[in-house]
Amino acid sequence: MKLSQDIIESVFRQIETRNHASNNQAIIHSDELKNILSAQLGVSKDIIAQVVSILLDAHKILHIEIIAEDTARNIDRIDGFVVTELSVIRNLKSYFEKQLIILYEKQYHKNMGAASIIKELFGQMHTINMTEIGQILNKTIILGEYEKMIEKDFTTYSHEWQEKKMIELAVERGFRWHSDIPELNEENKSFETDLKTESADNNDQTISAIIPEGMRAVDTEEYTDFTDKSQKYPLNRILNIYGIDFFTKIYFRRYKFGYIQQLIEDRQITRKSDLFQIKEILAVVKKNILKDRALTEHREEIYSLDKAITHAMFIHN
């Protein structure tokens, strides 16, 4: 089978169909998806992976990390996939919350609500992530985050935008498209104009979207002062001087999402108010991810940081 629209539609339908099931297999895993569709469609697993990448970049689907890659133990990364539809995500979240309650009662002999279970077990994620309850716990948490994300940034996930972006990416990557390509509506035309304008003004390879209107942090005298002091002072003093808002925006402007995640995971940033503020700034970045082409290269880091913040907020709640 040639690289075509049919392959992309088959992969999406497989994910969508599974998401409508009422069982623990409702979120199909990446290894299973590749095995099923490479056999059905007669294409390599690499082709299926390419299609998944297109669907992710077009916001047609979202991913949940099921098993992290561990090269030392020869363990491959496994993701789960859900379609970007609020009703589907809500139904899946409700289902896995119920399963979490059932499994918890069976294993711990206590009857608790999903929120309380998440709070109690979250600190054990690194030891239970390969177990059934650990994976259901993880799915429940991430589905809740996706639900809030789509509610807040609904326009970013509009069907018209998704379809147009999917076709653009597919054609760019060598897939033949045999149906009509949708015309830009007025909203998309405006978006395209904004994108070109921002790209022209964004040659310094920084994210202008997160800086308050009228001032970019890296253009101020305070930034020069920050750069000088950050090389001399410990982190806690830097945060006391400049505050978490300025500090975060500086590092986000440099695309240093991994650095902020490391600070959180090392418990150098633990205050819930600070974590909430970082999450709010990151939400702006996520909303503008498709207006800054360089951000697409950091998409995994952005969502990994978002997950780390959520986890830390549960721990310090």
C-alpha atoms as a PDB file:
ATOM      1  CA  MET A   1       0.000   0.000   0.000  1.00  0.00           C
ATOM      2  CA  LYS A   2       1.359   3.430  -0.972  1.00  0.00           C
ATOM      3  CA  LEU A   3       1.662   6.259   1.512  1.00  0.00           C
ATOM      4  CA  SER A   4      -1.833   7.646   1.272  1.00  0.00           C
ATOM      5  CA  GLN A   5      -4.795   9.188   3.034  1.00  0.00           C
ATOM      6  CA  ASP A   6      -6.242   5.690   3.559  1.00  0.00           C
ATOM      7  CA  ILE A   7      -3.445   4.707   5.958  1.00  0.00           C
ATOM      8  CA  ILE A   8      -3.924   7.840   8.055  1.00  0.00           C
ATOM      9  CA  GLU A   9      -7.678   7.353   8.211  1.00  0.00           C
ATOM     10  CA  SER A  10      -7.244   3.674   9.171  1.00  0.00           C
ATOM     11  CA  VAL A  11      -4.914   4.531  12.058  1.00  0.00           C
ATOM     12  CA  PHE A  12      -7.251   7.235  13.342  1.00  0.00           C
ATOM     13  CA  ARG A  13     -10.320   4.964  13.085  1.00  0.00           C
ATOM     14  CA  GLN A  14      -8.531   2.205  14.996  1.00  0.00           C
ATOM     15  CA  ILE A  15      -7.750   4.589  17.860  1.00  0.00           C
ATOM     16  CA  GLU A  16     -11.228   6.131  17.799  1.00  0.00           C
ATOM     17  CA  THR A  17     -12.993   2.755  17.772  1.00  0.00           C
ATOM     18  CA  ARG A  18     -11.013   1.516  20.746  1.00  0.00           C
ATOM     19  CA  ASN A  19     -11.679   4.732  22.663  1.00  0.00           C
ATOM     20  CA  HIS A  20     -15.410   4.012  22.498  1.00  0.00           C
ATOM     21  CA  ALA A  21     -15.028   0.595  24.157  1.00  0.00           C
ATOM     22  CA  SER A  22     -16.044   0.150  27.780  1.00  0.00           C
ATOM     23  CA  ASN A  23     -13.132  -1.933  28.991  1.00  0.00           C
ATOM     24  CA  ASN A  24      -9.522  -1.626  30.103  1.00  0.00           C
ATOM     25  CA  GLN A  25      -8.342  -1.830  26.471  1.00  0.00           C
ATOM     26  CA  ALA A  26     -10.202   1.368  25.504  1.00  0.00           C
ATOM     27  CA  ILE A  27      -6.889   3.222  25.236  1.00  0.00           C
ATOM     28  CA  ILE A  28      -4.887   1.372  22.621  1.00  0.00           C
ATOM     29  CA  HIS A  29      -1.147   1.126  23.246  1.00  0.00           C
ATOM     30  CA  SER A  30       1.470   2.042  20.648  1.00  0.00           C
ATOM     31  CA  ASP A  31       2.977  -1.454  20.405  1.00  0.00           C
ATOM     32  CA  GLU A  32      -0.415  -3.055  19.828  1.00  0.00           C
ATOM     33  CA  LEU A  33      -1.436  -0.373  17.330  1.00  0.00           C
ATOM     34  CA  LYS A  34       1.696  -0.953  15.258  1.00  0.00           C
ATOM     35  CA  ASN A  35       1.311  -4.740  15.326  1.00  0.00           C
ATOM     36  CA  ILE A  36      -2.376  -4.705  14.340  1.00  0.00           C
ATOM     37  CA  LEU A  37      -2.211  -2.129  11.568  1.00  0.00           C
ATOM     38  CA  SER A  38       1.102  -3.117  10.019  1.00  0.00           C
ATOM     39  CA  ALA A  39      -0.402  -6.588   9.530  1.00  0.00           C
ATOM     40  CA  GLN A  40      -3.805  -5.328   8.333  1.00  0.00           C
ATOM     41  CA  LEU A  41      -2.466  -2.650   5.965  1.00  0.00           C
ATOM     42  CA  GLY A  42       0.709  -4.389   4.845  1.00  0.00           C
ATOM     43  CA  VAL A  43       3.000  -1.515   5.802  1.00  0.00           C
ATOM     44  CA  SER A  44       5.978  -1.307   8.141  1.00  0.00           C
ATOM     45  CA  LYS A  45       5.698  -0.326  11.784  1.00  0.00           C
ATOM     46  CA  ASP A  46       7.780   2.741  10.970  1.00  0.00           C
ATOM     47  CA  ILE A  47       5.025   3.938   8.622  1.00  0.00           C
ATOM     48  CA  ILE A  48       2.446   3.525  11.395  1.00  0.00           C
ATOM     49  CA  ALA A  49       4.737   5.532  13.682  1.00  0.00           C
ATOM     50  CA  GLN A  50       4.930   8.297  11.036  1.00  0.00           C
ATOM     51  CA  VAL A  51       1.137   8.421  10.835  1.00  0.00           C
ATOM     52  CA  VAL A  52       0.834   8.616  14.617  1.00  0.00           C
ATOM     53  CA  SER A  53       3.284  11.537  14.578  1.00  0.00           C
ATOM     54  CA  ILE A  54       1.125  13.352  12.009  1.00  0.00           C
ATOM     55  CA  LEU A  55      -2.036  12.790  14.058  1.00  0.00           C
ATOM     56  CA  LEU A  56      -0.310  14.026  17.220  1.00  0.00           C
ATOM     57  CA  ASP A  57       1.101  17.142  15.565  1.00  0.00           C
ATOM     58  CA  ALA A  58      -2.314  17.911  14.072  1.00  0.00           C
ATOM     59  CA  HIS A  59      -3.954  17.549  17.508  1.00  0.00           C
ATOM     60  CA  LYS A  60      -6.190  14.783  16.146  1.00  0.00           C
ATOM     61  CA  ILE A  61      -5.012  12.516  18.965  1.00  0.00           C
ATOM     62  CA  LEU A  62      -3.253  12.881  22.317  1.00  0.00           C
ATOM     63  CA  HIS A  63      -0.786  10.525  23.953  1.00  0.00           C
ATOM     64  CA  ILE A  64      -0.372   9.080  27.431  1.00  0.00           C
ATOM     65  CA  GLU A  65       2.991   7.646  28.428  1.00  0.00           C
ATOM     66  CA  ILE A  66       2.300   4.117  29.654  1.00  0.00           C
ATOM     67  CA  ILE A  67       5.855   2.820  30.066  1.00  0.00           C
ATOM     68  CA  ALA A  68       8.930   5.043  29.972  1.00  0.00           C
ATOM     69  CA  GLU A  69      11.894   4.008  27.856  1.00  0.00           C
ATOM     70  CA  ASP A  70      14.662   2.313  29.842  1.00  0.00           C
ATOM     71  CA  THR A  71      17.644   1.509  27.638  1.00  0.00           C
ATOM     72  CA  ALA A  72      19.557  -0.026  30.553  1.00  0.00           C
ATOM     73  CA  ARG A  73      16.870  -2.684  30.935  1.00  0.00           C
ATOM     74  CA  ASN A  74      16.090  -2.846  27.196  1.00  0.00           C
ATOM     75  CA  ILE A  75      12.542  -1.547  27.738  1.00  0.00           C
ATOM     76  CA  ASP A  76      10.939   0.403  24.876  1.00  0.00           C
ATOM     77  CA  ARG A  77       8.646   3.335  25.464  1.00  0.00           C
ATOM     78  CA  ILE A  78       4.937   2.573  25.162  1.00  0.00           C
ATOM     79  CA  ASP A  79       2.280   5.255  24.717  1.00  0.00           C
ATOM     80  CA  GLY A  80      -1.494   5.096  24.786  1.00  0.00           C
ATOM     81  CA  PHE A  81      -3.613   7.161  22.387  1.00  0.00           C
ATOM     82  CA  VAL A  82      -6.938   8.994  22.695  1.00  0.00           C
ATOM     83  CA  VAL A  83      -8.796  11.099  20.157  1.00  0.00           C
ATOM     84  CA  THR A  84      -9.028  14.805  20.934  1.00  0.00           C
ATOM     85  CA  GLU A  85     -12.737  14.885  21.668  1.00  0.00           C
ATOM     86  CA  LEU A  86     -13.914  16.198  25.013  1.00  0.00           C
ATOM     87  CA  SER A  87     -16.857  13.778  25.303  1.00  0.00           C
ATOM     88  CA  VAL A  88     -14.611  10.773  24.621  1.00  0.00           C
ATOM     89  CA  ILE A  89     -11.985  11.930  27.117  1.00  0.00           C
ATOM     90  CA  ARG A  90     -14.623  12.539  29.792  1.00  0.00           C
ATOM     91  CA  ASN A  91     -16.116   9.077  29.273  1.00  0.00           C
ATOM     92  CA  LEU A  92     -12.685   7.437  29.437  1.00  0.00           C
ATOM     93  CA  LYS A  93     -11.776   9.373  32.565  1.00  0.00           C
ATOM     94  CA  SER A  94     -15.023   8.331  34.251  1.00  0.00           C
ATOM     95  CA  TYR A  95     -14.452   4.690  33.308  1.00  0.00           C
ATOM     96  CA  PHE A  96     -10.858   4.561  34.563  1.00  0.00           C
ATOM     97  CA  GLU A  97     -11.771   6.385  37.781  1.00  0.00           C
ATOM     98  CA  LYS A  98     -14.284   3.619  38.500  1.00  0.00           C
ATOM     99  CA  GLN A  99     -11.727   0.943  37.675  1.00  0.00           C
ATOM    100  CA  LEU A 100      -9.206   2.643  39.954  1.00  0.00           C
ATOM    101  CA  ILE A 101     -11.695   2.565  42.845  1.00  0.00           C
ATOM    102  CA  ILE A 102     -12.466  -1.132  42.236  1.00  0.00           C
ATOM    103  CA  LEU A 103      -8.803  -2.161  41.997  1.00  0.00           C
ATOM    104  CA  TYR A 104      -7.825  -0.104  45.028  1.00  0.00           C
ATOM    105  CA  GLU A 105     -10.542  -1.680  47.184  1.00  0.00           C
ATOM    106  CA  LYS A 106      -9.546  -5.153  46.007  1.00  0.00           C
ATOM    107  CA  GLN A 107      -5.854  -4.607  46.663  1.00  0.00           C
ATOM    108  CA  TYR A 108      -5.909  -2.418  49.790  1.00  0.00           C
ATOM    109  CA  HIS A 109      -9.287  -3.463  51.268  1.00  0.00           C
ATOM    110  CA  LYS A 110     -10.412   0.148  51.621  1.00  0.00           C
ATOM    111  CA  ASN A 111     -13.192   2.047  49.870  1.00  0.00           C
ATOM    112  CA  MET A 112     -12.012   5.495  48.743  1.00  0.00           C
ATOM    113  CA  GLY A 113     -12.857   8.010  46.041  1.00  0.00           C
ATOM    114  CA  ALA A 114     -10.662   8.417  42.956  1.00  0.00           C
ATOM    115  CA  ALA A 115      -9.219  11.784  44.056  1.00  0.00           C
ATOM    116  CA  SER A 116      -8.151  10.395  47.430  1.00  0.00           C
ATOM    117  CA  ILE A 117      -6.619   7.321  45.812  1.00  0.00           C
ATOM    118  CA  ILE A 118      -4.636   9.460  43.384  1.00  0.00           C
ATOM    119  CA  LYS A 119      -3.308  11.580  46.241  1.00  0.00           C
ATOM    120  CA  GLU A 120      -2.340   8.501  48.277  1.00  0.00           C
ATOM    121  CA  LEU A 121      -0.708   6.459  45.513  1.00  0.00           C
ATOM    122  CA  PHE A 122       0.947   9.197  43.543  1.00  0.00           C
ATOM    123  CA  GLY A 123       4.149   9.054  45.537  1.00  0.00           C
ATOM    124  CA  GLN A 124       4.424   5.343  44.687  1.00  0.00           C
ATOM    125  CA  MET A 125       4.144   5.822  40.925  1.00  0.00           C
ATOM    126  CA  HIS A 126       7.767   4.898  40.281  1.00  0.00           C
ATOM    127  CA  THR A 127       7.268   1.503  41.947  1.00  0.00           C
ATOM    128  CA  ILE A 128       3.770   0.632  40.684  1.00  0.00           C
ATOM    129  CA  ASN A 129       3.969   2.036  37.134  1.00  0.00           C
ATOM    130  CA  MET A 130       4.363  -1.438  35.622  1.00  0.00           C
ATOM    131  CA  THR A 131       1.354  -2.827  37.514  1.00  0.00           C
ATOM    132  CA  GLU A 132      -2.292  -2.725  36.447  1.00  0.00           C
ATOM    133  CA  ILE A 133      -3.296  -0.275  39.171  1.00  0.00           C
ATOM    134  CA  GLY A 134      -0.292   1.932  38.391  1.00  0.00           C
ATOM    135  CA  GLN A 135      -1.183   2.188  34.719  1.00  0.00           C
ATOM    136  CA  ILE A 136      -4.852   2.880  35.449  1.00  0.00           C
ATOM    137  CA  LEU A 137      -3.791   5.521  37.982  1.00  0.00           C
ATOM    138  CA  ASN A 138      -1.597   7.184  35.348  1.00  0.00           C
ATOM    139  CA  LYS A 139      -4.359   7.116  32.720  1.00  0.00           C
ATOM    140  CA  THR A 140      -6.842   8.639  35.163  1.00  0.00           C
ATOM    141  CA  ILE A 141      -4.482  11.506  36.041  1.00  0.00           C
ATOM    142  CA  ILE A 142      -3.532  12.348  32.449  1.00  0.00           C
ATOM    143  CA  LEU A 143      -7.106  12.105  31.141  1.00  0.00           C
ATOM    144  CA  GLY A 144      -8.101  14.618  33.814  1.00  0.00           C
ATOM    145  CA  GLU A 145      -5.353  16.950  32.652  1.00  0.00           C
ATOM    146  CA  TYR A 146      -6.406  16.610  29.006  1.00  0.00           C
ATOM    147  CA  GLU A 147     -10.014  17.314  29.949  1.00  0.00           C
ATOM    148  CA  LYS A 148      -9.020  20.615  31.581  1.00  0.00           C
ATOM    149  CA  MET A 149      -6.653  21.476  28.736  1.00  0.00           C
ATOM    150  CA  ILE A 150      -9.296  21.053  26.032  1.00  0.00           C
ATOM    151  CA  GLU A 151     -11.923  22.916  28.066  1.00  0.00           C
ATOM    152  CA  LYS A 152      -9.556  25.867  28.439  1.00  0.00           C
ATOM    153  CA  ASP A 153      -8.078  25.896  24.922  1.00  0.00           C
ATOM    154  CA  PHE A 154     -11.023  24.610  22.912  1.00  0.00           C
ATOM    155  CA  THR A 155     -10.352  26.696  19.786  1.00  0.00           C
ATOM    156  CA  THR A 156      -6.887  25.167  19.451  1.00  0.00           C
ATOM    157  CA  TYR A 157      -8.548  21.796  18.998  1.00  0.00           C
ATOM    158  CA  SER A 158     -11.278  22.762  16.511  1.00  0.00           C
ATOM    159  CA  HIS A 159     -12.122  20.129  13.922  1.00  0.00           C
ATOM    160  CA  GLU A 160     -11.464  22.509  11.015  1.00  0.00           C
ATOM    161  CA  TRP A 161      -7.970  23.369  12.233  1.00  0.00           C
ATOM    162  CA  GLN A 162      -7.133  19.710  12.920  1.00  0.00           C
ATOM    163  CA  GLU A 163      -8.196  18.567   9.449  1.00  0.00           C
ATOM    164  CA  LYS A 164      -6.303  21.311   7.657  1.00  0.00           C
ATOM    165  CA  LYS A 165      -3.134  20.736   9.689  1.00  0.00           C
ATOM    166  CA  MET A 166      -3.321  16.963   9.240  1.00  0.00           C
ATOM    167  CA  ILE A 167      -3.496  17.305   5.454  1.00  0.00           C
ATOM    168  CA  GLU A 168      -0.650  19.830   5.366  1.00  0.00           C
ATOM    169  CA  LEU A 169       1.598  17.558   7.445  1.00  0.00           C
ATOM    170  CA  ALA A 170       0.641  14.450   5.483  1.00  0.00           C
ATOM    171  CA  VAL A 171       1.414  16.038   2.112  1.00  0.00           C
ATOM    172  CA  GLU A 172       4.693  17.471   3.446  1.00  0.00           C
ATOM    173  CA  ARG A 173       5.742  13.981   4.562  1.00  0.00           C
ATOM    174  CA  GLY A 174       4.950  12.261   1.273  1.00  0.00           C
ATOM    175  CA  PHE A 175       1.415  10.965   1.772  1.00  0.00           C
ATOM    176  CA  ARG A 176      -0.924  11.162  -1.207  1.00  0.00           C
ATOM    177  CA  TRP A 177      -4.218  12.914  -0.472  1.00  0.00           C
ATOM    178  CA  HIS A 178      -7.065  12.148  -2.857  1.00  0.00           C
ATOM    179  CA  SER A 179      -9.935  14.138  -1.315  1.00  0.00           C
ATOM    180  CA  ASP A 180     -10.440  17.870  -1.497  1.00  0.00           C
ATOM    181  CA  ILE A 181      -8.242  19.929   0.789  1.00  0.00           C
ATOM    182  CA  PRO A 182     -10.482  22.210   2.875  1.00  0.00           C
ATOM    183  CA  GLU A 183     -10.266  25.913   2.176  1.00  0.00           C
ATOM    184  CA  LEU A 184      -9.047  28.265   4.880  1.00  0.00           C
ATOM    185  CA  ASN A 185     -11.939  29.840   6.719  1.00  0.00           C
ATOM    186  CA  GLU A 186     -11.626  33.420   8.008  1.00  0.00           C
ATOM    187  CA  GLU A 187     -10.294  32.286  11.368  1.00  0.00           C
ATOM    188  CA  ASN A 188      -7.574  30.157   9.752  1.00  0.00           C
ATOM    189  CA  LYS A 189      -6.651  32.941   7.332  1.00  0.00           C
ATOM    190  CA  SER A 190      -6.169  35.272  10.260  1.00  0.00           C
ATOM    191  CA  PHE A 191      -4.104  32.632  12.031  1.00  0.00           C
ATOM    192  CA  GLU A 192      -1.873  32.213   8.972  1.00  0.00           C
ATOM    193  CA  THR A 193      -1.293  35.968   8.840  1.00  0.00           C
ATOM    194  CA  ASP A 194      -0.470  36.088  12.551  1.00  0.00           C
ATOM    195  CA  LEU A 195       1.910  33.166  12.138  1.00  0.00           C
ATOM    196  CA  LYS A 196       3.837  34.871   9.339  1.00  0.00           C
ATOM    197  CA  THR A 197       4.021  38.114  11.317  1.00  0.00           C
ATOM    198  CA  GLU A 198       5.212  36.376  14.453  1.00  0.00           C
ATOM    199  CA  SER A 199       7.777  34.318  12.554  1.00  0.00           C
ATOM    200  CA  ALA A 200       9.214  37.479  11.027  1.00  0.00           C
ATOM    201  CA  ASP A 201       9.474  39.095  14.469  1.00  0.00           C
ATOM    202  CA  ASN A 202      10.805  35.987  16.158  1.00  0.00           C
ATOM    203  CA  ASN A 203      14.241  35.571  14.632  1.00  0.00           C
ATOM    204  CA  ASP A 204      15.886  35.485  18.061  1.00  0.00           C
ATOM    205  CA  GLN A 205      14.447  31.962  18.503  1.00  0.00           C
ATOM    206  CA  THR A 206      12.520  32.838  21.650  1.00  0.00           C
ATOM    207  CA  ILE A 207       8.873  32.571  22.575  1.00  0.00           C
ATOM    208  CA  SER A 208       7.331  36.027  22.417  1.00  0.00           C
ATOM    209  CA  ALA A 209       3.848  34.744  23.285  1.00  0.00           C
ATOM    210  CA  ILE A 210       4.630  34.295  26.983  1.00  0.00           C
ATOM    211  CA  ILE A 211       5.953  37.808  27.563  1.00  0.00           C
ATOM    212  CA  PRO A 212       3.454  40.456  28.732  1.00  0.00           C
ATOM    213  CA  GLU A 213       2.292  42.878  26.065  1.00  0.00           C
ATOM    214  CA  GLY A 214       4.623  45.801  25.646  1.00  0.00           C
ATOM    215  CA  MET A 215       7.756  44.187  27.020  1.00  0.00           C
ATOM    216  CA  ARG A 216       9.931  41.146  26.381  1.00  0.00           C
ATOM    217  CA  ALA A 217      11.864  40.003  29.416  1.00  0.00           C
ATOM    218  CA  VAL A 218      15.059  39.444  27.442  1.00  0.00           C
ATOM    219  CA  ASP A 219      14.994  43.052  26.216  1.00  0.00           C
ATOM    220  CA  THR A 220      15.064  44.638  29.667  1.00  0.00           C
ATOM    221  CA  GLU A 221      17.902  45.765  31.892  1.00  0.00           C
ATOM    222  CA  GLU A 222      16.505  43.365  34.470  1.00  0.00           C
ATOM    223  CA  TYR A 223      17.302  40.488  32.130  1.00  0.00           C
ATOM    224  CA  THR A 224      20.954  41.550  31.914  1.00  0.00           C
ATOM    225  CA  ASP A 225      21.058  41.793  35.683  1.00  0.00           C
ATOM    226  CA  PHE A 226      19.391  38.368  35.981  1.00  0.00           C
ATOM    227  CA  THR A 227      21.921  36.756  33.645  1.00  0.00           C
ATOM    228  CA  ASP A 228      24.800  38.166  35.661  1.00  0.00           C
ATOM    229  CA  LYS A 229      23.408  37.206  39.080  1.00  0.00           C
ATOM    230  CA  SER A 230      22.276  33.715  38.003  1.00  0.00           C
ATOM    231  CA  GLN A 231      25.912  32.813  37.456  1.00  0.00           C
ATOM    232  CA  LYS A 232      26.857  33.874  40.986  1.00  0.00           C
ATOM    233  CA  TYR A 233      23.903  33.256  43.294  1.00  0.00           C
ATOM    234  CA  PRO A 234      22.176  30.013  44.383  1.00  0.00           C
ATOM    235  CA  LEU A 235      18.746  29.230  42.994  1.00  0.00           C
ATOM    236  CA  ASN A 236      16.746  30.111  46.118  1.00  0.00           C
ATOM    237  CA  ARG A 237      18.266  33.598  46.188  1.00  0.00           C
ATOM    238  CA  ILE A 238      17.566  34.131  42.474  1.00  0.00           C
ATOM    239  CA  LEU A 239      13.916  33.155  43.018  1.00  0.00           C
ATOM    240  CA  ASN A 240      13.638  35.491  45.999  1.00  0.00           C
ATOM    241  CA  ILE A 241      15.039  38.387  43.966  1.00  0.00           C
ATOM    242  CA  TYR A 242      13.150  37.938  40.689  1.00  0.00           C
ATOM    243  CA  GLY A 243      10.163  35.739  41.534  1.00  0.00           C
ATOM    244  CA  ILE A 244       8.948  32.551  39.874  1.00  0.00           C
ATOM    245  CA  ASP A 245       7.083  34.402  37.090  1.00  0.00           C
ATOM    246  CA  PHE A 246      10.119  36.232  35.684  1.00  0.00           C
ATOM    247  CA  PHE A 247      12.396  33.224  36.271  1.00  0.00           C
ATOM    248  CA  THR A 248      10.068  30.824  34.419  1.00  0.00           C
ATOM    249  CA  LYS A 249       9.505  33.148  31.470  1.00  0.00           C
ATOM    250  CA  ILE A 250      13.238  33.613  31.015  1.00  0.00           C
ATOM    251  CA  TYR A 251      13.847  29.882  30.765  1.00  0.00           C
ATOM    252  CA  PHE A 252      10.763  29.256  28.645  1.00  0.00           C
ATOM    253  CA  ARG A 253      11.980  31.951  26.256  1.00  0.00           C
ATOM    254  CA  ARG A 254      15.124  29.829  25.883  1.00  0.00           C
ATOM    255  CA  TYR A 255      13.051  26.630  25.403  1.00  0.00           C
ATOM    256  CA  LYS A 256      14.600  25.238  28.623  1.00  0.00           C
ATOM    257  CA  PHE A 257      11.525  23.234  29.610  1.00  0.00           C
ATOM    258  CA  GLY A 258      13.669  20.294  30.691  1.00  0.00           C
ATOM    259  CA  TYR A 259      15.595  22.495  33.108  1.00  0.00           C
ATOM    260  CA  ILE A 260      12.411  23.656  34.855  1.00  0.00           C
ATOM    261  CA  GLN A 261      11.210  20.035  35.007  1.00  0.00           C
ATOM    262  CA  GLN A 262      14.497  18.982  36.612  1.00  0.00           C
ATOM    263  CA  LEU A 263      14.158  21.697  39.271  1.00  0.00           C
ATOM    264  CA  ILE A 264      10.657  20.440  40.078  1.00  0.00           C
ATOM    265  CA  GLU A 265      11.627  16.773  40.153  1.00  0.00           C
ATOM    266  CA  ASP A 266      14.671  17.587  42.320  1.00  0.00           C
ATOM    267  CA  ARG A 267      12.267  19.366  44.721  1.00  0.00           C
ATOM    268  CA  GLN A 268      14.047  22.689  44.327  1.00  0.00           C
ATOM    269  CA  ILE A 269      10.662  24.181  43.401  1.00  0.00           C
ATOM    270  CA  THR A 270       7.961  22.788  45.701  1.00  0.00           C
ATOM    271  CA  ARG A 271       5.590  25.568  46.753  1.00  0.00           C
ATOM    272  CA  LYS A 272       2.157  24.931  45.329  1.00  0.00           C
ATOM    273  CA  SER A 273       1.715  28.610  44.440  1.00  0.00           C
ATOM    274  CA  ASP A 274       4.943  28.479  42.394  1.00  0.00           C
ATOM    275  CA  LEU A 275       3.910  25.243  40.669  1.00  0.00           C
ATOM    276  CA  PHE A 276       0.517  26.721  39.844  1.00  0.00           C
ATOM    277  CA  GLN A 277       2.152  29.831  38.377  1.00  0.00           C
ATOM    278  CA  ILE A 278       4.490  27.742  36.211  1.00  0.00           C
ATOM    279  CA  LYS A 279       1.505  25.713  35.019  1.00  0.00           C
ATOM    280  CA  GLU A 280      -0.369  28.892  34.069  1.00  0.00           C
ATOM    281  CA  ILE A 281       2.593  30.186  32.042  1.00  0.00           C
ATOM    282  CA  LEU A 282       3.013  26.777  30.408  1.00  0.00           C
ATOM    283  CA  ALA A 283      -0.673  26.827  29.443  1.00  0.00           C
ATOM    284  CA  VAL A 284       0.022  29.976  27.403  1.00  0.00           C
ATOM    285  CA  VAL A 285       2.957  28.237  25.727  1.00  0.00           C
ATOM    286  CA  LYS A 286       0.776  25.227  24.875  1.00  0.00           C
ATOM    287  CA  LYS A 287      -1.905  27.489  23.461  1.00  0.00           C
ATOM    288  CA  ASN A 288       0.660  29.082  21.160  1.00  0.00           C
ATOM    289  CA  ILE A 289       2.580  25.918  20.311  1.00  0.00           C
ATOM    290  CA  LEU A 290       1.476  26.012  16.702  1.00  0.00           C
ATOM    291  CA  LYS A 291       2.261  29.701  16.263  1.00  0.00           C
ATOM    292  CA  ASP A 292       5.938  29.122  17.037  1.00  0.00           C
ATOM    293  CA  ARG A 293       7.417  26.492  14.771  1.00  0.00           C
ATOM    294  CA  ALA A 294      10.404  25.954  17.030  1.00  0.00           C
ATOM    295  CA  LEU A 295       8.007  24.904  19.799  1.00  0.00           C
ATOM    296  CA  THR A 296       6.918  21.838  17.844  1.00  0.00           C
ATOM    297  CA  GLU A 297      10.439  20.495  18.281  1.00  0.00           C
ATOM    298  CA  HIS A 298       9.968  20.757  22.049  1.00  0.00           C
ATOM    299  CA  ARG A 299       6.427  19.345  22.197  1.00  0.00           C
ATOM    300  CA  GLU A 300       7.475  16.239  24.141  1.00  0.00           C
ATOM    301  CA  GLU A 301       9.401  18.349  26.669  1.00  0.00           C
ATOM    302  CA  ILE A 302       6.433  20.677  27.108  1.00  0.00           C
ATOM    303  CA  TYR A 303       3.976  17.869  27.835  1.00  0.00           C
ATOM    304  CA  SER A 304       6.528  16.084  30.011  1.00  0.00           C
ATOM    305  CA  LEU A 305       6.931  19.253  32.077  1.00  0.00           C
ATOM    306  CA  ASP A 306       3.158  19.651  32.305  1.00  0.00           C
ATOM    307  CA  LYS A 307       2.894  16.109  33.628  1.00  0.00           C
ATOM    308  CA  ALA A 308       5.698  16.714  36.150  1.00  0.00           C
ATOM    309  CA  ILE A 309       3.961  19.844  37.455  1.00  0.00           C
ATOM    310  CA  THR A 310       0.687  17.963  37.878  1.00  0.00           C
ATOM    311  CA  HIS A 311       2.434  15.177  39.740  1.00  0.00           C
ATOM    312  CA  ALA A 312       4.255  17.628  42.004  1.00  0.00           C
ATOM    313  CA  MET A 313       1.019  19.464  42.807  1.00  0.00           C
ATOM    314  CA  PHE A 314      -0.567  16.192  43.913  1.00  0.00           C
ATOM    315  CA  ILE A 315       2.418  15.390  46.116  1.00  0.00           C
ATOM    316  CA  HIS A 316       2.470  18.793  47.798  1.00  0.00           C
ATOM    317  CA  ASN A 317      -1.309  19.174  48.009  1.00  0.00           C
END
